[in-house]
Amino acid sequence: MPAAYTNLYLEKGATYNTTITLDDVYGDSYNLIGYTASSQFRKSYYSANATATFITSINTSNGSISLSLTAATTANIAPGRYVYDTTITKTSSGEVTRILEGIVDVSPSVTR
């Protein structure tokens, strides 16, 4: 399955949540039993360190993956554009599949 491309928009100092729903070629929920998910973003593809790592959780009943960041985490991210991706790993074989990638836009905050 090739990675989908979508941009994410988050606000500095605010809690962030989004859900990715995976479907198979027949439109049925993708079976995520036995998988883990991970997702990070960085200033560039070549940055040595991640700017942030999303908290991920998998809902095996509907084939969805939740990505979230706490308000405390987003408060420490400089406004700007970043690159991200999300991968799933099949625990039995270690096979890694990139399912989503794109740009993360972080907007500044006025309220402190």
PDB file of N, CA and C in Angstrom:
ATOM      1  N   MET A   1       0.851  -1.163   0.000  1.00  0.00           N
ATOM      2  CA  MET A   1       0.000   0.000   0.000  1.00  0.00           C
ATOM      3  C   MET A   1       0.896   1.225   0.000  1.00  0.00           C
ATOM      4  N   PRO A   2       0.797   2.095  -1.012  1.00  0.00           N
ATOM      5  CA  PRO A   2       1.612   3.308  -1.041  1.00  0.00           C
ATOM      6  C   PRO A   2       1.119   4.313   0.006  1.00  0.00           C
ATOM      7  N   ALA A   3       2.038   5.105   0.503  1.00  0.00           N
ATOM      8  CA  ALA A   3       1.685   6.104   1.520  1.00  0.00           C
ATOM      9  C   ALA A   3       0.786   7.180   0.921  1.00  0.00           C
ATOM     10  N   ALA A   4      -0.235   7.548   1.670  1.00  0.00           N
ATOM     11  CA  ALA A   4      -1.088   8.669   1.286  1.00  0.00           C
ATOM     12  C   ALA A   4      -0.385   9.960   1.683  1.00  0.00           C
ATOM     13  N   TYR A   5      -0.776  11.067   1.077  1.00  0.00           N
ATOM     14  CA  TYR A   5      -0.171  12.361   1.365  1.00  0.00           C
ATOM     15  C   TYR A   5      -1.256  13.302   1.860  1.00  0.00           C
ATOM     16  N   THR A   6      -1.048  13.853   3.039  1.00  0.00           N
ATOM     17  CA  THR A   6      -1.972  14.858   3.555  1.00  0.00           C
ATOM     18  C   THR A   6      -1.224  15.789   4.492  1.00  0.00           C
ATOM     19  N   ASN A   7      -1.622  17.040   4.518  1.00  0.00           N
ATOM     20  CA  ASN A   7      -1.003  18.018   5.399  1.00  0.00           C
ATOM     21  C   ASN A   7      -1.748  18.079   6.716  1.00  0.00           C
ATOM     22  N   LEU A   8      -1.019  18.337   7.787  1.00  0.00           N
ATOM     23  CA  LEU A   8      -1.594  18.489   9.117  1.00  0.00           C
ATOM     24  C   LEU A   8      -1.396  19.922   9.583  1.00  0.00           C
ATOM     25  N   TYR A   9      -2.371  20.441  10.301  1.00  0.00           N
ATOM     26  CA  TYR A   9      -2.309  21.801  10.820  1.00  0.00           C
ATOM     27  C   TYR A   9      -2.515  21.757  12.318  1.00  0.00           C
ATOM     28  N   LEU A  10      -1.541  22.279  13.072  1.00  0.00           N
ATOM     29  CA  LEU A  10      -1.721  22.315  14.514  1.00  0.00           C
ATOM     30  C   LEU A  10      -1.367  23.698  15.047  1.00  0.00           C
ATOM     31  N   GLU A  11      -1.894  23.973  16.224  1.00  0.00           N
ATOM     32  CA  GLU A  11      -1.732  25.284  16.840  1.00  0.00           C
ATOM     33  C   GLU A  11      -0.804  25.175  18.033  1.00  0.00           C
ATOM     34  N   LYS A  12       0.168  26.058  18.094  1.00  0.00           N
ATOM     35  CA  LYS A  12       1.117  26.091  19.206  1.00  0.00           C
ATOM     36  C   LYS A  12       0.342  26.271  20.510  1.00  0.00           C
ATOM     37  N   GLY A  13       0.614  25.437  21.496  1.00  0.00           N
ATOM     38  CA  GLY A  13      -0.013  25.552  22.806  1.00  0.00           C
ATOM     39  C   GLY A  13      -1.383  24.914  22.930  1.00  0.00           C
ATOM     40  N   ALA A  14      -1.852  24.249  21.880  1.00  0.00           N
ATOM     41  CA  ALA A  14      -3.175  23.602  21.913  1.00  0.00           C
ATOM     42  C   ALA A  14      -3.011  22.089  21.773  1.00  0.00           C
ATOM     43  N   THR A  15      -3.944  21.354  22.346  1.00  0.00           N
ATOM     44  CA  THR A  15      -3.969  19.906  22.198  1.00  0.00           C
ATOM     45  C   THR A  15      -4.294  19.575  20.746  1.00  0.00           C
ATOM     46  N   TYR A  16      -3.637  18.553  20.195  1.00  0.00           N
ATOM     47  CA  TYR A  16      -3.868  18.146  18.813  1.00  0.00           C
ATOM     48  C   TYR A  16      -4.285  16.683  18.775  1.00  0.00           C
ATOM     49  N   ASN A  17      -5.336  16.385  18.014  1.00  0.00           N
ATOM     50  CA  ASN A  17      -5.808  15.014  17.803  1.00  0.00           C
ATOM     51  C   ASN A  17      -6.285  14.864  16.367  1.00  0.00           C
ATOM     52  N   THR A  18      -5.945  13.752  15.761  1.00  0.00           N
ATOM     53  CA  THR A  18      -6.496  13.412  14.454  1.00  0.00           C
ATOM     54  C   THR A  18      -6.550  11.894  14.352  1.00  0.00           C
ATOM     55  N   THR A  19      -7.410  11.401  13.472  1.00  0.00           N
ATOM     56  CA  THR A  19      -7.564   9.965  13.287  1.00  0.00           C
ATOM     57  C   THR A  19      -7.379   9.614  11.822  1.00  0.00           C
ATOM     58  N   ILE A  20      -6.599   8.576  11.580  1.00  0.00           N
ATOM     59  CA  ILE A  20      -6.368   8.036  10.239  1.00  0.00           C
ATOM     60  C   ILE A  20      -7.133   6.721  10.163  1.00  0.00           C
ATOM     61  N   THR A  21      -7.997   6.586   9.165  1.00  0.00           N
ATOM     62  CA  THR A  21      -8.724   5.328   8.981  1.00  0.00           C
ATOM     63  C   THR A  21      -8.198   4.640   7.733  1.00  0.00           C
ATOM     64  N   LEU A  22      -7.788   3.395   7.889  1.00  0.00           N
ATOM     65  CA  LEU A  22      -7.237   2.630   6.777  1.00  0.00           C
ATOM     66  C   LEU A  22      -8.272   1.656   6.239  1.00  0.00           C
ATOM     67  N   ASP A  23      -8.403   1.630   4.922  1.00  0.00           N
ATOM     68  CA  ASP A  23      -9.299   0.700   4.239  1.00  0.00           C
ATOM     69  C   ASP A  23      -8.472  -0.192   3.331  1.00  0.00           C
ATOM     70  N   ASP A  24      -8.941  -1.439   3.127  1.00  0.00           N
ATOM     71  CA  ASP A  24      -8.269  -2.309   2.170  1.00  0.00           C
ATOM     72  C   ASP A  24      -8.821  -2.030   0.767  1.00  0.00           C
ATOM     73  N   VAL A  25      -8.389  -2.783  -0.220  1.00  0.00           N
ATOM     74  CA  VAL A  25      -8.793  -2.540  -1.611  1.00  0.00           C
ATOM     75  C   VAL A  25     -10.290  -2.731  -1.841  1.00  0.00           C
ATOM     76  N   TYR A  26     -10.983  -3.405  -0.907  1.00  0.00           N
ATOM     77  CA  TYR A  26     -12.417  -3.637  -1.032  1.00  0.00           C
ATOM     78  C   TYR A  26     -13.240  -2.613  -0.248  1.00  0.00           C
ATOM     79  N   GLY A  27     -12.558  -1.670   0.393  1.00  0.00           N
ATOM     80  CA  GLY A  27     -13.259  -0.653   1.179  1.00  0.00           C
ATOM     81  C   GLY A  27     -13.562  -1.085   2.598  1.00  0.00           C
ATOM     82  N   ASP A  28     -13.074  -2.257   2.989  1.00  0.00           N
ATOM     83  CA  ASP A  28     -13.272  -2.744   4.357  1.00  0.00           C
ATOM     84  C   ASP A  28     -12.172  -2.196   5.261  1.00  0.00           C
ATOM     85  N   SER A  29     -12.445  -2.138   6.557  1.00  0.00           N
ATOM     86  CA  SER A  29     -11.444  -1.675   7.511  1.00  0.00           C
ATOM     87  C   SER A  29     -10.204  -2.554   7.431  1.00  0.00           C
ATOM     88  N   TYR A  30      -9.047  -1.922   7.421  1.00  0.00           N
ATOM     89  CA  TYR A  30      -7.776  -2.646   7.367  1.00  0.00           C
ATOM     90  C   TYR A  30      -7.552  -3.340   8.705  1.00  0.00           C
ATOM     91  N   ASN A  31      -7.145  -4.599   8.657  1.00  0.00           N
ATOM     92  CA  ASN A  31      -6.916  -5.372   9.872  1.00  0.00           C
ATOM     93  C   ASN A  31      -5.587  -4.961  10.501  1.00  0.00           C
ATOM     94  N   LEU A  32      -5.643  -4.245  11.625  1.00  0.00           N
ATOM     95  CA  LEU A  32      -4.445  -3.768  12.296  1.00  0.00           C
ATOM     96  C   LEU A  32      -4.085  -4.594  13.528  1.00  0.00           C
ATOM     97  N   ILE A  33      -4.688  -5.760  13.655  1.00  0.00           N
ATOM     98  CA  ILE A  33      -4.335  -6.636  14.773  1.00  0.00           C
ATOM     99  C   ILE A  33      -2.885  -7.100  14.571  1.00  0.00           C
ATOM    100  N   GLY A  34      -2.071  -6.954  15.605  1.00  0.00           N
ATOM    101  CA  GLY A  34      -0.671  -7.349  15.520  1.00  0.00           C
ATOM    102  C   GLY A  34       0.235  -6.277  14.936  1.00  0.00           C
ATOM    103  N   TYR A  35      -0.229  -5.031  14.904  1.00  0.00           N
ATOM    104  CA  TYR A  35       0.568  -3.917  14.395  1.00  0.00           C
ATOM    105  C   TYR A  35       0.786  -2.882  15.487  1.00  0.00           C
ATOM    106  N   THR A  36       1.871  -2.151  15.368  1.00  0.00           N
ATOM    107  CA  THR A  36       2.096  -0.948  16.166  1.00  0.00           C
ATOM    108  C   THR A  36       2.211   0.217  15.189  1.00  0.00           C
ATOM    109  N   ALA A  37       2.033   1.433  15.682  1.00  0.00           N
ATOM    110  CA  ALA A  37       2.132   2.621  14.836  1.00  0.00           C
ATOM    111  C   ALA A  37       3.110   3.609  15.460  1.00  0.00           C
ATOM    112  N   SER A  38       3.777   4.371  14.617  1.00  0.00           N
ATOM    113  CA  SER A  38       4.641   5.445  15.100  1.00  0.00           C
ATOM    114  C   SER A  38       4.602   6.594  14.098  1.00  0.00           C
ATOM    115  N   SER A  39       4.809   7.809  14.625  1.00  0.00           N
ATOM    116  CA  SER A  39       4.749   8.989  13.777  1.00  0.00           C
ATOM    117  C   SER A  39       5.565  10.111  14.408  1.00  0.00           C
ATOM    118  N   GLN A  40       6.384  10.765  13.595  1.00  0.00           N
ATOM    119  CA  GLN A  40       7.206  11.884  14.050  1.00  0.00           C
ATOM    120  C   GLN A  40       7.179  12.988  13.021  1.00  0.00           C
ATOM    121  N   PHE A  41       7.553  14.196  13.475  1.00  0.00           N
ATOM    122  CA  PHE A  41       7.848  15.233  12.500  1.00  0.00           C
ATOM    123  C   PHE A  41       9.159  15.918  12.831  1.00  0.00           C
ATOM    124  N   ARG A  42       9.786  16.442  11.766  1.00  0.00           N
ATOM    125  CA  ARG A  42      11.106  17.061  11.841  1.00  0.00           C
ATOM    126  C   ARG A  42      11.113  18.321  10.991  1.00  0.00           C
ATOM    127  N   LYS A  43      12.086  19.182  11.237  1.00  0.00           N
ATOM    128  CA  LYS A  43      12.188  20.419  10.456  1.00  0.00           C
ATOM    129  C   LYS A  43      12.463  20.116   8.986  1.00  0.00           C
ATOM    130  N   SER A  44      13.257  19.086   8.734  1.00  0.00           N
ATOM    131  CA  SER A  44      13.508  18.672   7.344  1.00  0.00           C
ATOM    132  C   SER A  44      13.706  17.166   7.324  1.00  0.00           C
ATOM    133  N   TYR A  45      13.731  16.600   6.137  1.00  0.00           N
ATOM    134  CA  TYR A  45      13.960  15.170   5.997  1.00  0.00           C
ATOM    135  C   TYR A  45      15.336  14.771   6.537  1.00  0.00           C
ATOM    136  N   TYR A  46      16.246  15.732   6.597  1.00  0.00           N
ATOM    137  CA  TYR A  46      17.623  15.443   6.977  1.00  0.00           C
ATOM    138  C   TYR A  46      17.938  15.812   8.428  1.00  0.00           C
ATOM    139  N   SER A  47      16.964  16.289   9.183  1.00  0.00           N
ATOM    140  CA  SER A  47      17.181  16.645  10.586  1.00  0.00           C
ATOM    141  C   SER A  47      17.515  15.396  11.393  1.00  0.00           C
ATOM    142  N   ALA A  48      18.530  15.511  12.234  1.00  0.00           N
ATOM    143  CA  ALA A  48      18.964  14.364  13.042  1.00  0.00           C
ATOM    144  C   ALA A  48      17.958  14.019  14.132  1.00  0.00           C
ATOM    145  N   ASN A  49      17.285  15.019  14.669  1.00  0.00           N
ATOM    146  CA  ASN A  49      16.362  14.797  15.788  1.00  0.00           C
ATOM    147  C   ASN A  49      14.930  15.153  15.406  1.00  0.00           C
ATOM    148  N   ALA A  50      14.006  14.403  15.961  1.00  0.00           N
ATOM    149  CA  ALA A  50      12.592  14.696  15.744  1.00  0.00           C
ATOM    150  C   ALA A  50      12.201  15.952  16.520  1.00  0.00           C
ATOM    151  N   THR A  51      11.375  16.775  15.926  1.00  0.00           N
ATOM    152  CA  THR A  51      10.813  17.925  16.629  1.00  0.00           C
ATOM    153  C   THR A  51       9.803  17.446  17.648  1.00  0.00           C
ATOM    154  N   ALA A  52       8.977  16.494  17.262  1.00  0.00           N
ATOM    155  CA  ALA A  52       7.988  15.902  18.169  1.00  0.00           C
ATOM    156  C   ALA A  52       7.633  14.510  17.683  1.00  0.00           C
ATOM    157  N   THR A  53       7.225  13.683  18.625  1.00  0.00           N
ATOM    158  CA  THR A  53       6.738  12.347  18.336  1.00  0.00           C
ATOM    159  C   THR A  53       5.277  12.287  18.750  1.00  0.00           C
ATOM    160  N   PHE A  54       4.415  11.947  17.806  1.00  0.00           N
ATOM    161  CA  PHE A  54       2.992  11.836  18.109  1.00  0.00           C
ATOM    162  C   PHE A  54       2.740  10.661  19.050  1.00  0.00           C
ATOM    163  N   ILE A  55       1.798  10.813  19.942  1.00  0.00           N
ATOM    164  CA  ILE A  55       1.277   9.706  20.729  1.00  0.00           C
ATOM    165  C   ILE A  55       0.344   8.962  19.785  1.00  0.00           C
ATOM    166  N   THR A  56       0.563   7.655  19.600  1.00  0.00           N
ATOM    167  CA  THR A  56      -0.260   6.887  18.663  1.00  0.00           C
ATOM    168  C   THR A  56      -1.036   5.814  19.405  1.00  0.00           C
ATOM    169  N   SER A  57      -2.235   5.552  18.903  1.00  0.00           N
ATOM    170  CA  SER A  57      -3.021   4.423  19.405  1.00  0.00           C
ATOM    171  C   SER A  57      -3.786   3.819  18.240  1.00  0.00           C
ATOM    172  N   ILE A  58      -3.924   2.502  18.271  1.00  0.00           N
ATOM    173  CA  ILE A  58      -4.601   1.772  17.197  1.00  0.00           C
ATOM    174  C   ILE A  58      -5.931   1.251  17.702  1.00  0.00           C
ATOM    175  N   ASN A  59      -6.976   1.463  16.907  1.00  0.00           N
ATOM    176  CA  ASN A  59      -8.293   0.889  17.169  1.00  0.00           C
ATOM    177  C   ASN A  59      -8.479  -0.241  16.156  1.00  0.00           C
ATOM    178  N   THR A  60      -8.304  -1.483  16.615  1.00  0.00           N
ATOM    179  CA  THR A  60      -8.370  -2.621  15.694  1.00  0.00           C
ATOM    180  C   THR A  60      -9.784  -2.915  15.214  1.00  0.00           C
ATOM    181  N   SER A  61     -10.796  -2.417  15.923  1.00  0.00           N
ATOM    182  CA  SER A  61     -12.177  -2.712  15.509  1.00  0.00           C
ATOM    183  C   SER A  61     -12.587  -1.957  14.249  1.00  0.00           C
ATOM    184  N   ASN A  62     -11.964  -0.809  13.982  1.00  0.00           N
ATOM    185  CA  ASN A  62     -12.346  -0.061  12.776  1.00  0.00           C
ATOM    186  C   ASN A  62     -11.153   0.314  11.899  1.00  0.00           C
ATOM    187  N   GLY A  63      -9.977  -0.233  12.178  1.00  0.00           N
ATOM    188  CA  GLY A  63      -8.813   0.023  11.332  1.00  0.00           C
ATOM    189  C   GLY A  63      -8.329   1.452  11.363  1.00  0.00           C
ATOM    190  N   SER A  64      -8.384   2.077  12.545  1.00  0.00           N
ATOM    191  CA  SER A  64      -7.963   3.471  12.623  1.00  0.00           C
ATOM    192  C   SER A  64      -6.779   3.654  13.566  1.00  0.00           C
ATOM    193  N   ILE A  65      -6.038   4.723  13.310  1.00  0.00           N
ATOM    194  CA  ILE A  65      -4.890   5.101  14.123  1.00  0.00           C
ATOM    195  C   ILE A  65      -5.088   6.545  14.557  1.00  0.00           C
ATOM    196  N   SER A  66      -4.961   6.786  15.843  1.00  0.00           N
ATOM    197  CA  SER A  66      -5.071   8.148  16.372  1.00  0.00           C
ATOM    198  C   SER A  66      -3.685   8.711  16.607  1.00  0.00           C
ATOM    199  N   LEU A  67      -3.506   9.968  16.208  1.00  0.00           N
ATOM    200  CA  LEU A  67      -2.279  10.705  16.469  1.00  0.00           C
ATOM    201  C   LEU A  67      -2.640  11.867  17.378  1.00  0.00           C
ATOM    202  N   SER A  68      -1.850  12.082  18.416  1.00  0.00           N
ATOM    203  CA  SER A  68      -2.150  13.215  19.302  1.00  0.00           C
ATOM    204  C   SER A  68      -0.870  13.805  19.872  1.00  0.00           C
ATOM    205  N   LEU A  69      -0.992  15.060  20.282  1.00  0.00           N
ATOM    206  CA  LEU A  69       0.056  15.788  20.984  1.00  0.00           C
ATOM    207  C   LEU A  69      -0.603  16.554  22.119  1.00  0.00           C
ATOM    208  N   THR A  70       0.054  16.638  23.252  1.00  0.00           N
ATOM    209  CA  THR A  70      -0.493  17.406  24.367  1.00  0.00           C
ATOM    210  C   THR A  70      -0.252  18.901  24.132  1.00  0.00           C
ATOM    211  N   ALA A  71      -1.000  19.718  24.838  1.00  0.00           N
ATOM    212  CA  ALA A  71      -0.812  21.169  24.755  1.00  0.00           C
ATOM    213  C   ALA A  71       0.590  21.551  25.216  1.00  0.00           C
ATOM    214  N   ALA A  72       1.107  20.849  26.236  1.00  0.00           N
ATOM    215  CA  ALA A  72       2.465  21.131  26.723  1.00  0.00           C
ATOM    216  C   ALA A  72       3.505  20.847  25.643  1.00  0.00           C
ATOM    217  N   THR A  73       3.292  19.806  24.860  1.00  0.00           N
ATOM    218  CA  THR A  73       4.233  19.480  23.780  1.00  0.00           C
ATOM    219  C   THR A  73       4.170  20.528  22.680  1.00  0.00           C
ATOM    220  N   THR A  74       2.977  20.890  22.226  1.00  0.00           N
ATOM    221  CA  THR A  74       2.869  21.864  21.129  1.00  0.00           C
ATOM    222  C   THR A  74       3.338  23.249  21.555  1.00  0.00           C
ATOM    223  N   ALA A  75       3.273  23.556  22.853  1.00  0.00           N
ATOM    224  CA  ALA A  75       3.744  24.859  23.347  1.00  0.00           C
ATOM    225  C   ALA A  75       5.245  25.029  23.120  1.00  0.00           C
ATOM    226  N   ASN A  76       5.967  23.913  23.024  1.00  0.00           N
ATOM    227  CA  ASN A  76       7.420  23.968  22.846  1.00  0.00           C
ATOM    228  C   ASN A  76       7.873  23.834  21.405  1.00  0.00           C
ATOM    229  N   ILE A  77       6.947  23.907  20.457  1.00  0.00           N
ATOM    230  CA  ILE A  77       7.281  23.784  19.036  1.00  0.00           C
ATOM    231  C   ILE A  77       7.245  25.170  18.393  1.00  0.00           C
ATOM    232  N   ALA A  78       8.318  25.516  17.721  1.00  0.00           N
ATOM    233  CA  ALA A  78       8.375  26.803  17.037  1.00  0.00           C
ATOM    234  C   ALA A  78       7.405  26.803  15.854  1.00  0.00           C
ATOM    235  N   PRO A  79       6.684  27.904  15.643  1.00  0.00           N
ATOM    236  CA  PRO A  79       5.812  27.985  14.469  1.00  0.00           C
ATOM    237  C   PRO A  79       6.619  27.781  13.187  1.00  0.00           C
ATOM    238  N   GLY A  80       6.003  27.158  12.211  1.00  0.00           N
ATOM    239  CA  GLY A  80       6.681  26.927  10.941  1.00  0.00           C
ATOM    240  C   GLY A  80       6.191  25.667  10.271  1.00  0.00           C
ATOM    241  N   ARG A  81       6.944  25.245   9.249  1.00  0.00           N
ATOM    242  CA  ARG A  81       6.597  24.056   8.470  1.00  0.00           C
ATOM    243  C   ARG A  81       7.580  22.948   8.770  1.00  0.00           C
ATOM    244  N   TYR A  82       7.040  21.747   8.857  1.00  0.00           N
ATOM    245  CA  TYR A  82       7.814  20.558   9.181  1.00  0.00           C
ATOM    246  C   TYR A  82       7.369  19.432   8.243  1.00  0.00           C
ATOM    247  N   VAL A  83       8.131  18.360   8.189  1.00  0.00           N
ATOM    248  CA  VAL A  83       7.734  17.163   7.440  1.00  0.00           C
ATOM    249  C   VAL A  83       7.454  16.043   8.431  1.00  0.00           C
ATOM    250  N   TYR A  84       6.518  15.173   8.070  1.00  0.00           N
ATOM    251  CA  TYR A  84       6.166  14.061   8.963  1.00  0.00           C
ATOM    252  C   TYR A  84       5.862  12.820   8.148  1.00  0.00           C
ATOM    253  N   ASP A  85       5.858  11.702   8.851  1.00  0.00           N
ATOM    254  CA  ASP A  85       5.286  10.488   8.284  1.00  0.00           C
ATOM    255  C   ASP A  85       4.761   9.619   9.414  1.00  0.00           C
ATOM    256  N   THR A  86       3.938   8.664   9.034  1.00  0.00           N
ATOM    257  CA  THR A  86       3.352   7.711   9.973  1.00  0.00           C
ATOM    258  C   THR A  86       3.588   6.322   9.404  1.00  0.00           C
ATOM    259  N   THR A  87       4.081   5.427  10.258  1.00  0.00           N
ATOM    260  CA  THR A  87       4.347   4.058   9.825  1.00  0.00           C
ATOM    261  C   THR A  87       3.615   3.072  10.725  1.00  0.00           C
ATOM    262  N   ILE A  88       3.360   1.895  10.156  1.00  0.00           N
ATOM    263  CA  ILE A  88       2.860   0.780  10.957  1.00  0.00           C
ATOM    264  C   ILE A  88       3.886  -0.343  10.854  1.00  0.00           C
ATOM    265  N   THR A  89       4.035  -1.083  11.941  1.00  0.00           N
ATOM    266  CA  THR A  89       4.982  -2.192  11.978  1.00  0.00           C
ATOM    267  C   THR A  89       4.247  -3.463  12.366  1.00  0.00           C
ATOM    268  N   LYS A  90       4.386  -4.489  11.548  1.00  0.00           N
ATOM    269  CA  LYS A  90       3.812  -5.802  11.854  1.00  0.00           C
ATOM    270  C   LYS A  90       4.728  -6.466  12.873  1.00  0.00           C
ATOM    271  N   THR A  91       4.214  -6.690  14.077  1.00  0.00           N
ATOM    272  CA  THR A  91       5.066  -7.160  15.171  1.00  0.00           C
ATOM    273  C   THR A  91       5.647  -8.548  14.927  1.00  0.00           C
ATOM    274  N   SER A  92       4.944  -9.402  14.213  1.00  0.00           N
ATOM    275  CA  SER A  92       5.437 -10.770  14.007  1.00  0.00           C
ATOM    276  C   SER A  92       6.639 -10.840  13.070  1.00  0.00           C
ATOM    277  N   SER A  93       6.720  -9.909  12.111  1.00  0.00           N
ATOM    278  CA  SER A  93       7.799  -9.970  11.125  1.00  0.00           C
ATOM    279  C   SER A  93       8.737  -8.762  11.155  1.00  0.00           C
ATOM    280  N   GLY A  94       8.308  -7.685  11.797  1.00  0.00           N
ATOM    281  CA  GLY A  94       9.107  -6.463  11.802  1.00  0.00           C
ATOM    282  C   GLY A  94       8.947  -5.642  10.538  1.00  0.00           C
ATOM    283  N   GLU A  95       8.054  -6.066   9.634  1.00  0.00           N
ATOM    284  CA  GLU A  95       7.818  -5.343   8.382  1.00  0.00           C
ATOM    285  C   GLU A  95       7.229  -3.966   8.676  1.00  0.00           C
ATOM    286  N   VAL A  96       7.861  -2.918   8.116  1.00  0.00           N
ATOM    287  CA  VAL A  96       7.426  -1.540   8.324  1.00  0.00           C
ATOM    288  C   VAL A  96       6.804  -1.013   7.035  1.00  0.00           C
ATOM    289  N   THR A  97       5.631  -0.377   7.158  1.00  0.00           N
ATOM    290  CA  THR A  97       4.940   0.221   6.020  1.00  0.00           C
ATOM    291  C   THR A  97       4.644   1.675   6.329  1.00  0.00           C
ATOM    292  N   ARG A  98       5.068   2.560   5.448  1.00  0.00           N
ATOM    293  CA  ARG A  98       4.718   3.981   5.615  1.00  0.00           C
ATOM    294  C   ARG A  98       3.320   4.162   5.043  1.00  0.00           C
ATOM    295  N   ILE A  99       2.399   4.678   5.868  1.00  0.00           N
ATOM    296  CA  ILE A  99       1.015   4.809   5.429  1.00  0.00           C
ATOM    297  C   ILE A  99       0.605   6.246   5.139  1.00  0.00           C
ATOM    298  N   LEU A 100       1.329   7.212   5.706  1.00  0.00           N
ATOM    299  CA  LEU A 100       0.947   8.611   5.548  1.00  0.00           C
ATOM    300  C   LEU A 100       2.174   9.486   5.646  1.00  0.00           C
ATOM    301  N   GLU A 101       2.203  10.558   4.868  1.00  0.00           N
ATOM    302  CA  GLU A 101       3.290  11.523   4.915  1.00  0.00           C
ATOM    303  C   GLU A 101       2.780  12.879   4.476  1.00  0.00           C
ATOM    304  N   GLY A 102       3.550  13.917   4.777  1.00  0.00           N
ATOM    305  CA  GLY A 102       3.157  15.252   4.359  1.00  0.00           C
ATOM    306  C   GLY A 102       3.853  16.340   5.167  1.00  0.00           C
ATOM    307  N   ILE A 103       3.213  17.493   5.187  1.00  0.00           N
ATOM    308  CA  ILE A 103       3.717  18.684   5.858  1.00  0.00           C
ATOM    309  C   ILE A 103       2.896  18.924   7.124  1.00  0.00           C
ATOM    310  N   VAL A 104       3.569  19.363   8.178  1.00  0.00           N
ATOM    311  CA  VAL A 104       2.890  19.826   9.390  1.00  0.00           C
ATOM    312  C   VAL A 104       3.111  21.337   9.440  1.00  0.00           C
ATOM    313  N   ASP A 105       2.018  22.103   9.470  1.00  0.00           N
ATOM    314  CA  ASP A 105       2.087  23.546   9.648  1.00  0.00           C
ATOM    315  C   ASP A 105       1.719  23.868  11.078  1.00  0.00           C
ATOM    316  N   VAL A 106       2.611  24.539  11.794  1.00  0.00           N
ATOM    317  CA  VAL A 106       2.373  24.937  13.174  1.00  0.00           C
ATOM    318  C   VAL A 106       2.146  26.432  13.209  1.00  0.00           C
ATOM    319  N   SER A 107       0.964  26.847  13.659  1.00  0.00           N
ATOM    320  CA  SER A 107       0.651  28.278  13.730  1.00  0.00           C
ATOM    321  C   SER A 107       0.993  28.821  15.127  1.00  0.00           C
ATOM    322  N   PRO A 108       1.404  30.094  15.195  1.00  0.00           N
ATOM    323  CA  PRO A 108       1.750  30.677  16.484  1.00  0.00           C
ATOM    324  C   PRO A 108       0.516  30.919  17.345  1.00  0.00           C
ATOM    325  N   SER A 109       0.755  31.133  18.628  1.00  0.00           N
ATOM    326  CA  SER A 109      -0.335  31.387  19.573  1.00  0.00           C
ATOM    327  C   SER A 109      -0.220  32.795  20.130  1.00  0.00           C
ATOM    328  N   VAL A 110      -1.351  33.401  20.404  1.00  0.00           N
ATOM    329  CA  VAL A 110      -1.375  34.726  21.029  1.00  0.00           C
ATOM    330  C   VAL A 110      -1.640  34.598  22.513  1.00  0.00           C
ATOM    331  N   THR A 111      -2.560  33.736  22.891  1.00  0.00           N
ATOM    332  CA  THR A 111      -2.936  33.555  24.288  1.00  0.00           C
ATOM    333  C   THR A 111      -1.877  32.750  25.016  1.00  0.00           C
ATOM    334  N   ARG A 112      -1.470  33.271  26.192  1.00  0.00           N
ATOM    335  CA  ARG A 112      -0.444  32.576  26.972  1.00  0.00           C
ATOM    336  C   ARG A 112      -0.936  32.309  28.365  1.00  0.00           C
TER     337      ARG A 112
END
